[in-house]
Amino acid sequence: MGLFSNRNADRQAERERREGKAREYGEKARKARKEADKYRRMLANGESDPAALRAALKDAEVDARIWEQNARDYRR
């Protein structure tokens, strides 16, 4: 009987760990999207160097997509 309860506890612990990682990665994706929005607004307002802003915007968008994919992977 003890063996089954250990398996269930292990499964629950693994599920909680994966959910925690998914939340963590989701938060990182939200921060990257927020940063991308900031660069998008700066570019629209004509601030600073447009080429540098476009590069930073692209980097932030790529980061957001990567973090979103990681979060989806951990939710499976």
C-alpha atoms as a PDB file:
ATOM      1  CA  MET A   1       0.000   0.000   0.000  1.00  0.00           C
ATOM      2  CA  GLY A   2       2.825   2.384   0.824  1.00  0.00           C
ATOM      3  CA  LEU A   3       4.324   2.042  -2.634  1.00  0.00           C
ATOM      4  CA  PHE A   4       1.203   3.421  -4.338  1.00  0.00           C
ATOM      5  CA  SER A   5       0.961   6.402  -2.011  1.00  0.00           C
ATOM      6  CA  ASN A   6       4.602   7.237  -2.754  1.00  0.00           C
ATOM      7  CA  ARG A   7       3.918   7.123  -6.489  1.00  0.00           C
ATOM      8  CA  ASN A   8       0.927   9.390  -6.093  1.00  0.00           C
ATOM      9  CA  ALA A   9       2.945  11.803  -3.970  1.00  0.00           C
ATOM     10  CA  ASP A  10       5.736  11.770  -6.557  1.00  0.00           C
ATOM     11  CA  ARG A  11       3.268  12.452  -9.366  1.00  0.00           C
ATOM     12  CA  GLN A  12       1.682  15.291  -7.408  1.00  0.00           C
ATOM     13  CA  ALA A  13       5.095  16.804  -6.633  1.00  0.00           C
ATOM     14  CA  GLU A  14       6.089  16.583 -10.312  1.00  0.00           C
ATOM     15  CA  ARG A  15       2.780  18.152 -11.393  1.00  0.00           C
ATOM     16  CA  GLU A  16       3.261  21.029  -8.937  1.00  0.00           C
ATOM     17  CA  ARG A  17       6.861  21.548 -10.089  1.00  0.00           C
ATOM     18  CA  ARG A  18       5.772  21.690 -13.735  1.00  0.00           C
ATOM     19  CA  GLU A  19       2.920  24.086 -12.948  1.00  0.00           C
ATOM     20  CA  GLY A  20       5.372  26.330 -11.073  1.00  0.00           C
ATOM     21  CA  LYS A  21       7.758  26.343 -14.040  1.00  0.00           C
ATOM     22  CA  ALA A  22       4.883  27.087 -16.427  1.00  0.00           C
ATOM     23  CA  ARG A  23       3.870  30.071 -14.268  1.00  0.00           C
ATOM     24  CA  GLU A  24       7.474  31.275 -14.069  1.00  0.00           C
ATOM     25  CA  TYR A  25       7.949  31.052 -17.827  1.00  0.00           C
ATOM     26  CA  GLY A  26       4.559  32.665 -18.439  1.00  0.00           C
ATOM     27  CA  GLU A  27       5.628  35.621 -16.290  1.00  0.00           C
ATOM     28  CA  LYS A  28       8.891  35.934 -18.242  1.00  0.00           C
ATOM     29  CA  ALA A  29       6.895  35.898 -21.498  1.00  0.00           C
ATOM     30  CA  ARG A  30       4.640  38.693 -20.195  1.00  0.00           C
ATOM     31  CA  LYS A  31       7.685  40.775 -19.255  1.00  0.00           C
ATOM     32  CA  ALA A  32       9.223  40.238 -22.703  1.00  0.00           C
ATOM     33  CA  ARG A  33       5.937  41.235 -24.387  1.00  0.00           C
ATOM     34  CA  LYS A  34       5.783  44.353 -22.217  1.00  0.00           C
ATOM     35  CA  GLU A  35       9.350  45.211 -23.226  1.00  0.00           C
ATOM     36  CA  ALA A  36       8.479  44.662 -26.908  1.00  0.00           C
ATOM     37  CA  ASP A  37       5.506  47.020 -26.509  1.00  0.00           C
ATOM     38  CA  LYS A  38       7.811  49.633 -24.992  1.00  0.00           C
ATOM     39  CA  TYR A  39      10.176  49.419 -27.991  1.00  0.00           C
ATOM     40  CA  ARG A  40       7.218  49.496 -30.394  1.00  0.00           C
ATOM     41  CA  ARG A  41       5.945  52.724 -28.787  1.00  0.00           C
ATOM     42  CA  MET A  42       9.422  54.273 -28.832  1.00  0.00           C
ATOM     43  CA  LEU A  43       9.780  53.400 -32.517  1.00  0.00           C
ATOM     44  CA  ALA A  44       6.348  54.868 -33.316  1.00  0.00           C
ATOM     45  CA  ASN A  45       7.252  58.082 -31.470  1.00  0.00           C
ATOM     46  CA  GLY A  46      10.471  58.449 -33.457  1.00  0.00           C
ATOM     47  CA  GLU A  47      12.697  58.205 -30.396  1.00  0.00           C
ATOM     48  CA  SER A  48      16.393  57.338 -30.503  1.00  0.00           C
ATOM     49  CA  ASP A  49      17.988  55.235 -33.251  1.00  0.00           C
ATOM     50  CA  PRO A  50      15.310  53.433 -35.320  1.00  0.00           C
ATOM     51  CA  ALA A  51      17.641  50.598 -36.363  1.00  0.00           C
ATOM     52  CA  ALA A  52      18.614  49.877 -32.755  1.00  0.00           C
ATOM     53  CA  LEU A  53      14.966  50.017 -31.663  1.00  0.00           C
ATOM     54  CA  ARG A  54      13.919  47.609 -34.421  1.00  0.00           C
ATOM     55  CA  ALA A  55      16.663  45.181 -33.359  1.00  0.00           C
ATOM     56  CA  ALA A  56      15.651  45.448 -29.695  1.00  0.00           C
ATOM     57  CA  LEU A  57      11.992  44.988 -30.644  1.00  0.00           C
ATOM     58  CA  LYS A  58      12.796  41.865 -32.652  1.00  0.00           C
ATOM     59  CA  ASP A  59      14.871  40.447 -29.782  1.00  0.00           C
ATOM     60  CA  ALA A  60      12.066  41.074 -27.282  1.00  0.00           C
ATOM     61  CA  GLU A  61       9.479  39.467 -29.569  1.00  0.00           C
ATOM     62  CA  VAL A  62      11.694  36.402 -30.057  1.00  0.00           C
ATOM     63  CA  ASP A  63      12.254  36.150 -26.294  1.00  0.00           C
ATOM     64  CA  ALA A  64       8.504  36.332 -25.689  1.00  0.00           C
ATOM     65  CA  ARG A  65       7.836  33.548 -28.198  1.00  0.00           C
ATOM     66  CA  ILE A  66      10.515  31.338 -26.627  1.00  0.00           C
ATOM     67  CA  TRP A  67       9.180  31.846 -23.088  1.00  0.00           C
ATOM     68  CA  GLU A  68       5.606  31.221 -24.269  1.00  0.00           C
ATOM     69  CA  GLN A  69       6.688  27.959 -25.909  1.00  0.00           C
ATOM     70  CA  ASN A  70       8.539  26.893 -22.761  1.00  0.00           C
ATOM     71  CA  ALA A  71       5.439  27.620 -20.668  1.00  0.00           C
ATOM     72  CA  ARG A  72       3.270  25.568 -23.064  1.00  0.00           C
ATOM     73  CA  ASP A  73       5.756  22.683 -22.922  1.00  0.00           C
ATOM     74  CA  TYR A  74       5.597  22.603 -19.125  1.00  0.00           C
ATOM     75  CA  ARG A  75       1.794  22.622 -19.130  1.00  0.00           C
ATOM     76  CA  ARG A  76       1.675  19.352 -21.070  1.00  0.00           C
END
